[in-house]
Amino acid sequence: MEPRRSKHFLAHIPTIALLVVFAMSPWLGILFFILRAIDRDAEKKVYGHDVPTAEQQNAKKWHKTLTSLCTMFGGIFLVAGLAGLADIIDLWGYWFDWGEFLTALAQTIGGGAALAMGLRMKQA
């Protein structure tokens, strides 16, 4: 008999993946953080408590792989965001675009947070 699959897909998205999404699109990242919190609350109401299943144990292996990938992407987004900020600061005296500045800032924050969390998760 195969275990039932959970309908709460967003509840199982790792935080580090959401930080990478935040680096790509801040509004989409915030939306996924909110939806994941709502989905986790709904899952706890349905299942009551967390009992690890075979599916969850298999997901733990994928979580390690995803952590490594997100750590790499976090580093990439951090460097890209810092490069974008450097470009904007270089042109500050001549021309300034708030849209590009905020995009580069969000990319730097999201990438740095994803990188830091990925490195922290590898140590734990």
PDB file of N, CA and C in Angstrom:
ATOM      1  N   MET A   1       0.834  -1.169   0.000  1.00  0.00           N
ATOM      2  CA  MET A   1       0.000   0.000   0.000  1.00  0.00           C
ATOM      3  C   MET A   1       0.886   1.242   0.000  1.00  0.00           C
ATOM      4  N   GLU A   2       0.693   2.088  -0.956  1.00  0.00           N
ATOM      5  CA  GLU A   2       1.492   3.295  -1.101  1.00  0.00           C
ATOM      6  C   GLU A   2       0.980   4.379  -0.146  1.00  0.00           C
ATOM      7  N   PRO A   3       1.932   5.084   0.525  1.00  0.00           N
ATOM      8  CA  PRO A   3       1.478   6.142   1.437  1.00  0.00           C
ATOM      9  C   PRO A   3       0.824   7.286   0.658  1.00  0.00           C
ATOM     10  N   ARG A   4      -0.129   7.933   1.325  1.00  0.00           N
ATOM     11  CA  ARG A   4      -0.833   9.057   0.696  1.00  0.00           C
ATOM     12  C   ARG A   4       0.111  10.227   0.512  1.00  0.00           C
ATOM     13  N   ARG A   5      -0.003  10.859  -0.633  1.00  0.00           N
ATOM     14  CA  ARG A   5       0.805  12.046  -0.897  1.00  0.00           C
ATOM     15  C   ARG A   5       0.114  13.263  -0.310  1.00  0.00           C
ATOM     16  N   SER A   6       0.931  14.141   0.221  1.00  0.00           N
ATOM     17  CA  SER A   6       0.398  15.366   0.798  1.00  0.00           C
ATOM     18  C   SER A   6      -0.005  16.335  -0.306  1.00  0.00           C
ATOM     19  N   LYS A   7      -1.105  17.037  -0.081  1.00  0.00           N
ATOM     20  CA  LYS A   7      -1.534  18.063  -1.025  1.00  0.00           C
ATOM     21  C   LYS A   7      -0.901  19.416  -0.688  1.00  0.00           C
ATOM     22  N   HIS A   8      -0.101  19.438   0.346  1.00  0.00           N
ATOM     23  CA  HIS A   8       0.516  20.679   0.815  1.00  0.00           C
ATOM     24  C   HIS A   8       1.932  20.785   0.251  1.00  0.00           C
ATOM     25  N   PHE A   9       2.029  21.103  -1.033  1.00  0.00           N
ATOM     26  CA  PHE A   9       3.320  21.143  -1.706  1.00  0.00           C
ATOM     27  C   PHE A   9       4.188  22.298  -1.215  1.00  0.00           C
ATOM     28  N   LEU A  10       3.586  23.454  -0.984  1.00  0.00           N
ATOM     29  CA  LEU A  10       4.355  24.631  -0.590  1.00  0.00           C
ATOM     30  C   LEU A  10       4.938  24.509   0.811  1.00  0.00           C
ATOM     31  N   ALA A  11       4.352  23.664   1.648  1.00  0.00           N
ATOM     32  CA  ALA A  11       4.837  23.511   3.016  1.00  0.00           C
ATOM     33  C   ALA A  11       6.216  22.864   3.058  1.00  0.00           C
ATOM     34  N   HIS A  12       6.607  22.179   2.008  1.00  0.00           N
ATOM     35  CA  HIS A  12       7.866  21.442   2.003  1.00  0.00           C
ATOM     36  C   HIS A  12       8.967  22.131   1.211  1.00  0.00           C
ATOM     37  N   ILE A  13       8.752  23.376   0.800  1.00  0.00           N
ATOM     38  CA  ILE A  13       9.788  24.126   0.096  1.00  0.00           C
ATOM     39  C   ILE A  13      10.798  24.620   1.130  1.00  0.00           C
ATOM     40  N   PRO A  14      12.079  24.293   0.961  1.00  0.00           N
ATOM     41  CA  PRO A  14      13.088  24.764   1.926  1.00  0.00           C
ATOM     42  C   PRO A  14      13.239  26.286   1.882  1.00  0.00           C
ATOM     43  N   THR A  15      13.582  26.855   3.021  1.00  0.00           N
ATOM     44  CA  THR A  15      13.745  28.299   3.123  1.00  0.00           C
ATOM     45  C   THR A  15      14.826  28.804   2.180  1.00  0.00           C
ATOM     46  N   ILE A  16      15.873  28.031   2.016  1.00  0.00           N
ATOM     47  CA  ILE A  16      16.971  28.471   1.156  1.00  0.00           C
ATOM     48  C   ILE A  16      16.509  28.619  -0.289  1.00  0.00           C
ATOM     49  N   ALA A  17      15.608  27.751  -0.737  1.00  0.00           N
ATOM     50  CA  ALA A  17      15.080  27.879  -2.101  1.00  0.00           C
ATOM     51  C   ALA A  17      14.251  29.155  -2.232  1.00  0.00           C
ATOM     52  N   LEU A  18      13.533  29.497  -1.173  1.00  0.00           N
ATOM     53  CA  LEU A  18      12.745  30.730  -1.208  1.00  0.00           C
ATOM     54  C   LEU A  18      13.641  31.967  -1.229  1.00  0.00           C
ATOM     55  N   LEU A  19      14.797  31.894  -0.588  1.00  0.00           N
ATOM     56  CA  LEU A  19      15.717  33.019  -0.627  1.00  0.00           C
ATOM     57  C   LEU A  19      16.303  33.203  -2.027  1.00  0.00           C
ATOM     58  N   VAL A  20      16.541  32.098  -2.734  1.00  0.00           N
ATOM     59  CA  VAL A  20      17.009  32.205  -4.117  1.00  0.00           C
ATOM     60  C   VAL A  20      15.911  32.822  -4.979  1.00  0.00           C
ATOM     61  N   VAL A  21      14.652  32.424  -4.752  1.00  0.00           N
ATOM     62  CA  VAL A  21      13.541  33.031  -5.484  1.00  0.00           C
ATOM     63  C   VAL A  21      13.461  34.522  -5.158  1.00  0.00           C
ATOM     64  N   PHE A  22      13.707  34.880  -3.895  1.00  0.00           N
ATOM     65  CA  PHE A  22      13.694  36.286  -3.494  1.00  0.00           C
ATOM     66  C   PHE A  22      14.773  37.072  -4.232  1.00  0.00           C
ATOM     67  N   ALA A  23      15.939  36.438  -4.455  1.00  0.00           N
ATOM     68  CA  ALA A  23      17.015  37.116  -5.180  1.00  0.00           C
ATOM     69  C   ALA A  23      16.620  37.368  -6.630  1.00  0.00           C
ATOM     70  N   MET A  24      15.840  36.459  -7.209  1.00  0.00           N
ATOM     71  CA  MET A  24      15.415  36.632  -8.595  1.00  0.00           C
ATOM     72  C   MET A  24      14.271  37.630  -8.699  1.00  0.00           C
ATOM     73  N   SER A  25      13.295  37.520  -7.785  1.00  0.00           N
ATOM     74  CA  SER A  25      12.135  38.399  -7.804  1.00  0.00           C
ATOM     75  C   SER A  25      11.654  38.595  -6.367  1.00  0.00           C
ATOM     76  N   PRO A  26      11.911  39.770  -5.785  1.00  0.00           N
ATOM     77  CA  PRO A  26      11.550  39.990  -4.384  1.00  0.00           C
ATOM     78  C   PRO A  26      10.068  39.765  -4.090  1.00  0.00           C
ATOM     79  N   TRP A  27       9.183  40.231  -4.973  1.00  0.00           N
ATOM     80  CA  TRP A  27       7.754  40.094  -4.712  1.00  0.00           C
ATOM     81  C   TRP A  27       7.322  38.641  -4.772  1.00  0.00           C
ATOM     82  N   LEU A  28       7.876  37.883  -5.689  1.00  0.00           N
ATOM     83  CA  LEU A  28       7.551  36.460  -5.781  1.00  0.00           C
ATOM     84  C   LEU A  28       8.083  35.710  -4.567  1.00  0.00           C
ATOM     85  N   GLY A  29       9.272  36.079  -4.094  1.00  0.00           N
ATOM     86  CA  GLY A  29       9.837  35.459  -2.893  1.00  0.00           C
ATOM     87  C   GLY A  29       8.977  35.701  -1.667  1.00  0.00           C
ATOM     88  N   ILE A  30       8.521  36.941  -1.497  1.00  0.00           N
ATOM     89  CA  ILE A  30       7.662  37.271  -0.357  1.00  0.00           C
ATOM     90  C   ILE A  30       6.347  36.502  -0.447  1.00  0.00           C
ATOM     91  N   LEU A  31       5.796  36.425  -1.647  1.00  0.00           N
ATOM     92  CA  LEU A  31       4.550  35.689  -1.847  1.00  0.00           C
ATOM     93  C   LEU A  31       4.707  34.221  -1.465  1.00  0.00           C
ATOM     94  N   PHE A  32       5.810  33.596  -1.885  1.00  0.00           N
ATOM     95  CA  PHE A  32       6.028  32.189  -1.547  1.00  0.00           C
ATOM     96  C   PHE A  32       6.260  31.993  -0.051  1.00  0.00           C
ATOM     97  N   PHE A  33       6.942  32.940   0.630  1.00  0.00           N
ATOM     98  CA  PHE A  33       7.104  32.844   2.079  1.00  0.00           C
ATOM     99  C   PHE A  33       5.734  32.830   2.761  1.00  0.00           C
ATOM    100  N   ILE A  34       4.843  33.710   2.340  1.00  0.00           N
ATOM    101  CA  ILE A  34       3.507  33.795   2.934  1.00  0.00           C
ATOM    102  C   ILE A  34       2.708  32.532   2.642  1.00  0.00           C
ATOM    103  N   LEU A  35       2.725  32.084   1.376  1.00  0.00           N
ATOM    104  CA  LEU A  35       1.969  30.885   1.017  1.00  0.00           C
ATOM    105  C   LEU A  35       2.490  29.642   1.729  1.00  0.00           C
ATOM    106  N   ARG A  36       3.809  29.556   1.910  1.00  0.00           N
ATOM    107  CA  ARG A  36       4.372  28.403   2.618  1.00  0.00           C
ATOM    108  C   ARG A  36       3.923  28.387   4.077  1.00  0.00           C
ATOM    109  N   ALA A  37       3.905  29.558   4.717  1.00  0.00           N
ATOM    110  CA  ALA A  37       3.457  29.629   6.111  1.00  0.00           C
ATOM    111  C   ALA A  37       1.999  29.209   6.239  1.00  0.00           C
ATOM    112  N   ILE A  38       1.168  29.657   5.310  1.00  0.00           N
ATOM    113  CA  ILE A  38      -0.245  29.271   5.332  1.00  0.00           C
ATOM    114  C   ILE A  38      -0.387  27.763   5.109  1.00  0.00           C
ATOM    115  N   ASP A  39       0.372  27.226   4.176  1.00  0.00           N
ATOM    116  CA  ASP A  39       0.283  25.797   3.852  1.00  0.00           C
ATOM    117  C   ASP A  39       0.791  24.937   5.010  1.00  0.00           C
ATOM    118  N   ARG A  40       1.830  25.392   5.712  1.00  0.00           N
ATOM    119  CA  ARG A  40       2.333  24.633   6.864  1.00  0.00           C
ATOM    120  C   ARG A  40       1.281  24.586   7.977  1.00  0.00           C
ATOM    121  N   ASP A  41       0.621  25.712   8.224  1.00  0.00           N
ATOM    122  CA  ASP A  41      -0.420  25.734   9.247  1.00  0.00           C
ATOM    123  C   ASP A  41      -1.560  24.787   8.876  1.00  0.00           C
ATOM    124  N   ALA A  42      -1.954  24.799   7.602  1.00  0.00           N
ATOM    125  CA  ALA A  42      -3.035  23.918   7.159  1.00  0.00           C
ATOM    126  C   ALA A  42      -2.632  22.455   7.269  1.00  0.00           C
ATOM    127  N   GLU A  43      -1.379  22.140   6.962  1.00  0.00           N
ATOM    128  CA  GLU A  43      -0.915  20.755   7.049  1.00  0.00           C
ATOM    129  C   GLU A  43      -0.909  20.262   8.492  1.00  0.00           C
ATOM    130  N   LYS A  44      -0.496  21.121   9.417  1.00  0.00           N
ATOM    131  CA  LYS A  44      -0.489  20.730  10.825  1.00  0.00           C
ATOM    132  C   LYS A  44      -1.898  20.484  11.343  1.00  0.00           C
ATOM    133  N   LYS A  45      -2.867  21.257  10.847  1.00  0.00           N
ATOM    134  CA  LYS A  45      -4.250  21.051  11.271  1.00  0.00           C
ATOM    135  C   LYS A  45      -4.790  19.724  10.744  1.00  0.00           C
ATOM    136  N   VAL A  46      -4.377  19.339   9.538  1.00  0.00           N
ATOM    137  CA  VAL A  46      -4.884  18.105   8.928  1.00  0.00           C
ATOM    138  C   VAL A  46      -4.230  16.875   9.547  1.00  0.00           C
ATOM    139  N   TYR A  47      -2.885  16.895   9.676  1.00  0.00           N
ATOM    140  CA  TYR A  47      -2.175  15.706  10.112  1.00  0.00           C
ATOM    141  C   TYR A  47      -1.881  15.682  11.604  1.00  0.00           C
ATOM    142  N   GLY A  48      -2.026  16.770  12.280  1.00  0.00           N
ATOM    143  CA  GLY A  48      -1.832  16.816  13.719  1.00  0.00           C
ATOM    144  C   GLY A  48      -0.377  16.947  14.114  1.00  0.00           C
ATOM    145  N   HIS A  49       0.434  15.947  13.865  1.00  0.00           N
ATOM    146  CA  HIS A  49       1.841  15.999  14.244  1.00  0.00           C
ATOM    147  C   HIS A  49       2.686  15.424  13.110  1.00  0.00           C
ATOM    148  N   ASP A  50       3.972  15.702  13.200  1.00  0.00           N
ATOM    149  CA  ASP A  50       4.885  15.259  12.147  1.00  0.00           C
ATOM    150  C   ASP A  50       5.376  13.846  12.430  1.00  0.00           C
ATOM    151  N   VAL A  51       5.053  12.924  11.543  1.00  0.00           N
ATOM    152  CA  VAL A  51       5.543  11.558  11.609  1.00  0.00           C
ATOM    153  C   VAL A  51       6.307  11.300  10.315  1.00  0.00           C
ATOM    154  N   PRO A  52       7.619  11.041  10.395  1.00  0.00           N
ATOM    155  CA  PRO A  52       8.377  10.853   9.166  1.00  0.00           C
ATOM    156  C   PRO A  52       7.949   9.588   8.419  1.00  0.00           C
ATOM    157  N   THR A  53       7.684   9.756   7.149  1.00  0.00           N
ATOM    158  CA  THR A  53       7.307   8.625   6.298  1.00  0.00           C
ATOM    159  C   THR A  53       8.480   8.293   5.392  1.00  0.00           C
ATOM    160  N   ALA A  54       8.328   7.246   4.614  1.00  0.00           N
ATOM    161  CA  ALA A  54       9.374   6.868   3.666  1.00  0.00           C
ATOM    162  C   ALA A  54       9.580   7.983   2.641  1.00  0.00           C
ATOM    163  N   GLU A  55       8.495   8.627   2.255  1.00  0.00           N
ATOM    164  CA  GLU A  55       8.578   9.723   1.297  1.00  0.00           C
ATOM    165  C   GLU A  55       9.369  10.889   1.881  1.00  0.00           C
ATOM    166  N   GLN A  56       9.167  11.164   3.158  1.00  0.00           N
ATOM    167  CA  GLN A  56       9.886  12.264   3.796  1.00  0.00           C
ATOM    168  C   GLN A  56      11.370  11.933   3.965  1.00  0.00           C
ATOM    169  N   GLN A  57      11.671  10.660   4.233  1.00  0.00           N
ATOM    170  CA  GLN A  57      13.065  10.262   4.348  1.00  0.00           C
ATOM    171  C   GLN A  57      13.773  10.360   3.002  1.00  0.00           C
ATOM    172  N   ASN A  58      13.058  10.021   1.933  1.00  0.00           N
ATOM    173  CA  ASN A  58      13.619  10.165   0.596  1.00  0.00           C
ATOM    174  C   ASN A  58      13.794  11.646   0.264  1.00  0.00           C
ATOM    175  N   ALA A  59      12.866  12.461   0.715  1.00  0.00           N
ATOM    176  CA  ALA A  59      12.947  13.903   0.465  1.00  0.00           C
ATOM    177  C   ALA A  59      14.146  14.519   1.178  1.00  0.00           C
ATOM    178  N   LYS A  60      14.572  13.908   2.282  1.00  0.00           N
ATOM    179  CA  LYS A  60      15.728  14.416   3.009  1.00  0.00           C
ATOM    180  C   LYS A  60      16.991  14.332   2.146  1.00  0.00           C
ATOM    181  N   LYS A  61      17.109  13.284   1.342  1.00  0.00           N
ATOM    182  CA  LYS A  61      18.251  13.152   0.432  1.00  0.00           C
ATOM    183  C   LYS A  61      18.214  14.256  -0.616  1.00  0.00           C
ATOM    184  N   TRP A  62      17.012  14.501  -1.153  1.00  0.00           N
ATOM    185  CA  TRP A  62      16.875  15.564  -2.148  1.00  0.00           C
ATOM    186  C   TRP A  62      17.131  16.926  -1.521  1.00  0.00           C
ATOM    187  N   HIS A  63      16.805  17.058  -0.259  1.00  0.00           N
ATOM    188  CA  HIS A  63      17.012  18.319   0.448  1.00  0.00           C
ATOM    189  C   HIS A  63      18.502  18.659   0.505  1.00  0.00           C
ATOM    190  N   LYS A  64      19.348  17.639   0.710  1.00  0.00           N
ATOM    191  CA  LYS A  64      20.791  17.873   0.726  1.00  0.00           C
ATOM    192  C   LYS A  64      21.275  18.369  -0.632  1.00  0.00           C
ATOM    193  N   THR A  65      20.767  17.746  -1.689  1.00  0.00           N
ATOM    194  CA  THR A  65      21.146  18.164  -3.036  1.00  0.00           C
ATOM    195  C   THR A  65      20.659  19.577  -3.306  1.00  0.00           C
ATOM    196  N   LEU A  66      19.433  19.855  -2.932  1.00  0.00           N
ATOM    197  CA  LEU A  66      18.861  21.180  -3.134  1.00  0.00           C
ATOM    198  C   LEU A  66      19.622  22.232  -2.335  1.00  0.00           C
ATOM    199  N   THR A  67      20.067  21.881  -1.145  1.00  0.00           N
ATOM    200  CA  THR A  67      20.843  22.804  -0.331  1.00  0.00           C
ATOM    201  C   THR A  67      22.149  23.171  -1.034  1.00  0.00           C
ATOM    202  N   SER A  68      22.802  22.186  -1.618  1.00  0.00           N
ATOM    203  CA  SER A  68      24.051  22.458  -2.340  1.00  0.00           C
ATOM    204  C   SER A  68      23.805  23.368  -3.539  1.00  0.00           C
ATOM    205  N   LEU A  69      22.758  23.066  -4.301  1.00  0.00           N
ATOM    206  CA  LEU A  69      22.445  23.891  -5.465  1.00  0.00           C
ATOM    207  C   LEU A  69      22.090  25.320  -5.068  1.00  0.00           C
ATOM    208  N   CYS A  70      21.285  25.457  -4.033  1.00  0.00           N
ATOM    209  CA  CYS A  70      20.869  26.789  -3.600  1.00  0.00           C
ATOM    210  C   CYS A  70      22.045  27.578  -3.030  1.00  0.00           C
ATOM    211  N   THR A  71      22.985  26.885  -2.394  1.00  0.00           N
ATOM    212  CA  THR A  71      24.172  27.565  -1.900  1.00  0.00           C
ATOM    213  C   THR A  71      24.975  28.138  -3.064  1.00  0.00           C
ATOM    214  N   MET A  72      25.109  27.345  -4.134  1.00  0.00           N
ATOM    215  CA  MET A  72      25.829  27.830  -5.312  1.00  0.00           C
ATOM    216  C   MET A  72      25.085  28.999  -5.959  1.00  0.00           C
ATOM    217  N   PHE A  73      23.774  28.865  -6.123  1.00  0.00           N
ATOM    218  CA  PHE A  73      23.000  29.955  -6.715  1.00  0.00           C
ATOM    219  C   PHE A  73      23.018  31.196  -5.828  1.00  0.00           C
ATOM    220  N   GLY A  74      23.018  31.001  -4.511  1.00  0.00           N
ATOM    221  CA  GLY A  74      23.113  32.140  -3.600  1.00  0.00           C
ATOM    222  C   GLY A  74      24.402  32.906  -3.810  1.00  0.00           C
ATOM    223  N   GLY A  75      25.507  32.185  -3.973  1.00  0.00           N
ATOM    224  CA  GLY A  75      26.789  32.838  -4.243  1.00  0.00           C
ATOM    225  C   GLY A  75      26.776  33.582  -5.571  1.00  0.00           C
ATOM    226  N   ILE A  76      26.171  32.971  -6.581  1.00  0.00           N
ATOM    227  CA  ILE A  76      26.088  33.608  -7.900  1.00  0.00           C
ATOM    228  C   ILE A  76      25.264  34.890  -7.826  1.00  0.00           C
ATOM    229  N   PHE A  77      24.102  34.821  -7.166  1.00  0.00           N
ATOM    230  CA  PHE A  77      23.257  36.004  -7.053  1.00  0.00           C
ATOM    231  C   PHE A  77      23.902  37.086  -6.186  1.00  0.00           C
ATOM    232  N   LEU A  78      24.658  36.680  -5.174  1.00  0.00           N
ATOM    233  CA  LEU A  78      25.356  37.656  -4.346  1.00  0.00           C
ATOM    234  C   LEU A  78      26.379  38.424  -5.181  1.00  0.00           C
ATOM    235  N   VAL A  79      27.167  37.707  -5.955  1.00  0.00           N
ATOM    236  CA  VAL A  79      28.179  38.363  -6.794  1.00  0.00           C
ATOM    237  C   VAL A  79      27.514  39.235  -7.859  1.00  0.00           C
ATOM    238  N   ALA A  80      26.446  38.713  -8.486  1.00  0.00           N
ATOM    239  CA  ALA A  80      25.747  39.501  -9.512  1.00  0.00           C
ATOM    240  C   ALA A  80      25.130  40.761  -8.910  1.00  0.00           C
ATOM    241  N   GLY A  81      24.556  40.647  -7.724  1.00  0.00           N
ATOM    242  CA  GLY A  81      23.968  41.813  -7.063  1.00  0.00           C
ATOM    243  C   GLY A  81      25.013  42.843  -6.689  1.00  0.00           C
ATOM    244  N   LEU A  82      26.159  42.361  -6.184  1.00  0.00           N
ATOM    245  CA  LEU A  82      27.233  43.290  -5.840  1.00  0.00           C
ATOM    246  C   LEU A  82      27.788  43.980  -7.086  1.00  0.00           C
ATOM    247  N   ALA A  83      27.872  43.239  -8.186  1.00  0.00           N
ATOM    248  CA  ALA A  83      28.328  43.844  -9.437  1.00  0.00           C
ATOM    249  C   ALA A  83      27.328  44.905  -9.914  1.00  0.00           C
ATOM    250  N   GLY A  84      26.039  44.611  -9.779  1.00  0.00           N
ATOM    251  CA  GLY A  84      25.010  45.586 -10.146  1.00  0.00           C
ATOM    252  C   GLY A  84      25.071  46.830  -9.280  1.00  0.00           C
ATOM    253  N   LEU A  85      25.282  46.633  -7.975  1.00  0.00           N
ATOM    254  CA  LEU A  85      25.410  47.787  -7.079  1.00  0.00           C
ATOM    255  C   LEU A  85      26.650  48.607  -7.410  1.00  0.00           C
ATOM    256  N   ALA A  86      27.743  47.926  -7.758  1.00  0.00           N
ATOM    257  CA  ALA A  86      28.967  48.640  -8.121  1.00  0.00           C
ATOM    258  C   ALA A  86      28.743  49.484  -9.377  1.00  0.00           C
ATOM    259  N   ASP A  87      28.023  48.942 -10.349  1.00  0.00           N
ATOM    260  CA  ASP A  87      27.708  49.710 -11.557  1.00  0.00           C
ATOM    261  C   ASP A  87      26.871  50.942 -11.228  1.00  0.00           C
ATOM    262  N   ILE A  88      25.882  50.762 -10.374  1.00  0.00           N
ATOM    263  CA  ILE A  88      24.982  51.866 -10.029  1.00  0.00           C
ATOM    264  C   ILE A  88      25.727  52.933  -9.239  1.00  0.00           C
ATOM    265  N   ILE A  89      26.579  52.512  -8.301  1.00  0.00           N
ATOM    266  CA  ILE A  89      27.345  53.471  -7.499  1.00  0.00           C
ATOM    267  C   ILE A  89      28.349  54.218  -8.378  1.00  0.00           C
ATOM    268  N   ASP A  90      28.891  53.511  -9.374  1.00  0.00           N
ATOM    269  CA  ASP A  90      29.840  54.144 -10.292  1.00  0.00           C
ATOM    270  C   ASP A  90      29.178  55.270 -11.085  1.00  0.00           C
ATOM    271  N   LEU A  91      27.906  55.108 -11.453  1.00  0.00           N
ATOM    272  CA  LEU A  91      27.186  56.110 -12.243  1.00  0.00           C
ATOM    273  C   LEU A  91      26.369  57.068 -11.383  1.00  0.00           C
ATOM    274  N   TRP A  92      26.515  56.997 -10.062  1.00  0.00           N
ATOM    275  CA  TRP A  92      25.666  57.748  -9.143  1.00  0.00           C
ATOM    276  C   TRP A  92      25.668  59.252  -9.432  1.00  0.00           C
ATOM    277  N   GLY A  93      26.814  59.810  -9.721  1.00  0.00           N
ATOM    278  CA  GLY A  93      26.892  61.248  -9.934  1.00  0.00           C
ATOM    279  C   GLY A  93      26.238  61.712 -11.225  1.00  0.00           C
ATOM    280  N   TYR A  94      26.147  60.842 -12.224  1.00  0.00           N
ATOM    281  CA  TYR A  94      25.622  61.225 -13.529  1.00  0.00           C
ATOM    282  C   TYR A  94      24.156  60.857 -13.707  1.00  0.00           C
ATOM    283  N   TRP A  95      23.803  59.672 -13.228  1.00  0.00           N
ATOM    284  CA  TRP A  95      22.466  59.150 -13.502  1.00  0.00           C
ATOM    285  C   TRP A  95      22.136  58.115 -12.445  1.00  0.00           C
ATOM    286  N   PHE A  96      20.908  58.135 -11.947  1.00  0.00           N
ATOM    287  CA  PHE A  96      20.521  57.178 -10.904  1.00  0.00           C
ATOM    288  C   PHE A  96      19.132  56.637 -11.218  1.00  0.00           C
ATOM    289  N   ASP A  97      19.003  55.326 -11.176  1.00  0.00           N
ATOM    290  CA  ASP A  97      17.720  54.672 -11.435  1.00  0.00           C
ATOM    291  C   ASP A  97      17.336  53.844 -10.210  1.00  0.00           C
ATOM    292  N   TRP A  98      16.260  54.253  -9.547  1.00  0.00           N
ATOM    293  CA  TRP A  98      15.829  53.549  -8.332  1.00  0.00           C
ATOM    294  C   TRP A  98      15.440  52.105  -8.620  1.00  0.00           C
ATOM    295  N   GLY A  99      14.868  51.839  -9.772  1.00  0.00           N
ATOM    296  CA  GLY A  99      14.465  50.478 -10.112  1.00  0.00           C
ATOM    297  C   GLY A  99      15.654  49.537 -10.172  1.00  0.00           C
ATOM    298  N   GLU A 100      16.711  49.974 -10.826  1.00  0.00           N
ATOM    299  CA  GLU A 100      17.913  49.135 -10.910  1.00  0.00           C
ATOM    300  C   GLU A 100      18.584  48.999  -9.549  1.00  0.00           C
ATOM    301  N   PHE A 101      18.585  50.086  -8.781  1.00  0.00           N
ATOM    302  CA  PHE A 101      19.199  50.045  -7.453  1.00  0.00           C
ATOM    303  C   PHE A 101      18.490  49.049  -6.543  1.00  0.00           C
ATOM    304  N   LEU A 102      17.166  49.111  -6.501  1.00  0.00           N
ATOM    305  CA  LEU A 102      16.413  48.207  -5.623  1.00  0.00           C
ATOM    306  C   LEU A 102      16.508  46.755  -6.102  1.00  0.00           C
ATOM    307  N   THR A 103      16.548  46.561  -7.412  1.00  0.00           N
ATOM    308  CA  THR A 103      16.705  45.207  -7.947  1.00  0.00           C
ATOM    309  C   THR A 103      18.058  44.629  -7.542  1.00  0.00           C
ATOM    310  N   ALA A 104      19.116  45.414  -7.707  1.00  0.00           N
ATOM    311  CA  ALA A 104      20.453  44.945  -7.333  1.00  0.00           C
ATOM    312  C   ALA A 104      20.552  44.723  -5.830  1.00  0.00           C
ATOM    313  N   LEU A 105      19.914  45.582  -5.049  1.00  0.00           N
ATOM    314  CA  LEU A 105      19.934  45.433  -3.596  1.00  0.00           C
ATOM    315  C   LEU A 105      19.204  44.157  -3.161  1.00  0.00           C
ATOM    316  N   ALA A 106      18.032  43.908  -3.749  1.00  0.00           N
ATOM    317  CA  ALA A 106      17.288  42.687  -3.415  1.00  0.00           C
ATOM    318  C   ALA A 106      18.058  41.446  -3.848  1.00  0.00           C
ATOM    319  N   GLN A 107      18.723  41.526  -4.990  1.00  0.00           N
ATOM    320  CA  GLN A 107      19.515  40.400  -5.473  1.00  0.00           C
ATOM    321  C   GLN A 107      20.676  40.136  -4.517  1.00  0.00           C
ATOM    322  N   THR A 108      21.311  41.184  -4.036  1.00  0.00           N
ATOM    323  CA  THR A 108      22.427  41.030  -3.107  1.00  0.00           C
ATOM    324  C   THR A 108      21.955  40.451  -1.779  1.00  0.00           C
ATOM    325  N   ILE A 109      20.860  40.969  -1.248  1.00  0.00           N
ATOM    326  CA  ILE A 109      20.345  40.484   0.042  1.00  0.00           C
ATOM    327  C   ILE A 109      19.881  39.036  -0.078  1.00  0.00           C
ATOM    328  N   GLY A 110      19.100  38.733  -1.115  1.00  0.00           N
ATOM    329  CA  GLY A 110      18.614  37.365  -1.288  1.00  0.00           C
ATOM    330  C   GLY A 110      19.738  36.376  -1.536  1.00  0.00           C
ATOM    331  N   GLY A 111      20.692  36.749  -2.378  1.00  0.00           N
ATOM    332  CA  GLY A 111      21.820  35.864  -2.650  1.00  0.00           C
ATOM    333  C   GLY A 111      22.690  35.649  -1.433  1.00  0.00           C
ATOM    334  N   GLY A 112      22.967  36.729  -0.701  1.00  0.00           N
ATOM    335  CA  GLY A 112      23.771  36.605   0.513  1.00  0.00           C
ATOM    336  C   GLY A 112      23.086  35.770   1.582  1.00  0.00           C
ATOM    337  N   ALA A 113      21.788  35.962   1.734  1.00  0.00           N
ATOM    338  CA  ALA A 113      21.043  35.176   2.724  1.00  0.00           C
ATOM    339  C   ALA A 113      20.987  33.707   2.327  1.00  0.00           C
ATOM    340  N   ALA A 114      20.801  33.427   1.036  1.00  0.00           N
ATOM    341  CA  ALA A 114      20.775  32.036   0.575  1.00  0.00           C
ATOM    342  C   ALA A 114      22.136  31.383   0.769  1.00  0.00           C
ATOM    343  N   LEU A 115      23.201  32.104   0.472  1.00  0.00           N
ATOM    344  CA  LEU A 115      24.542  31.573   0.652  1.00  0.00           C
ATOM    345  C   LEU A 115      24.830  31.305   2.134  1.00  0.00           C
ATOM    346  N   ALA A 116      24.508  32.260   2.989  1.00  0.00           N
ATOM    347  CA  ALA A 116      24.747  32.096   4.423  1.00  0.00           C
ATOM    348  C   ALA A 116      23.933  30.942   4.999  1.00  0.00           C
ATOM    349  N   MET A 117      22.669  30.850   4.598  1.00  0.00           N
ATOM    350  CA  MET A 117      21.833  29.773   5.122  1.00  0.00           C
ATOM    351  C   MET A 117      22.312  28.415   4.605  1.00  0.00           C
ATOM    352  N   GLY A 118      22.715  28.358   3.335  1.00  0.00           N
ATOM    353  CA  GLY A 118      23.215  27.108   2.787  1.00  0.00           C
ATOM    354  C   GLY A 118      24.458  26.636   3.497  1.00  0.00           C
ATOM    355  N   LEU A 119      25.372  27.556   3.785  1.00  0.00           N
ATOM    356  CA  LEU A 119      26.584  27.176   4.505  1.00  0.00           C
ATOM    357  C   LEU A 119      26.264  26.755   5.941  1.00  0.00           C
ATOM    358  N   ARG A 120      25.299  27.424   6.547  1.00  0.00           N
ATOM    359  CA  ARG A 120      24.894  27.066   7.913  1.00  0.00           C
ATOM    360  C   ARG A 120      24.214  25.697   7.955  1.00  0.00           C
ATOM    361  N   MET A 121      23.405  25.421   6.923  1.00  0.00           N
ATOM    362  CA  MET A 121      22.709  24.124   6.877  1.00  0.00           C
ATOM    363  C   MET A 121      23.681  22.985   6.639  1.00  0.00           C
ATOM    364  N   LYS A 122      24.750  23.222   5.903  1.00  0.00           N
ATOM    365  CA  LYS A 122      25.749  22.173   5.674  1.00  0.00           C
ATOM    366  C   LYS A 122      26.495  21.828   6.950  1.00  0.00           C
ATOM    367  N   GLN A 123      26.669  22.811   7.842  1.00  0.00           N
ATOM    368  CA  GLN A 123      27.366  22.559   9.102  1.00  0.00           C
ATOM    369  C   GLN A 123      26.504  21.795  10.090  1.00  0.00           C
ATOM    370  N   ALA A 124      25.203  21.977  10.003  1.00  0.00           N
ATOM    371  CA  ALA A 124      24.293  21.347  10.965  1.00  0.00           C
ATOM    372  C   ALA A 124      24.038  19.896  10.636  1.00  0.00           C
TER     373      ALA A 124
END
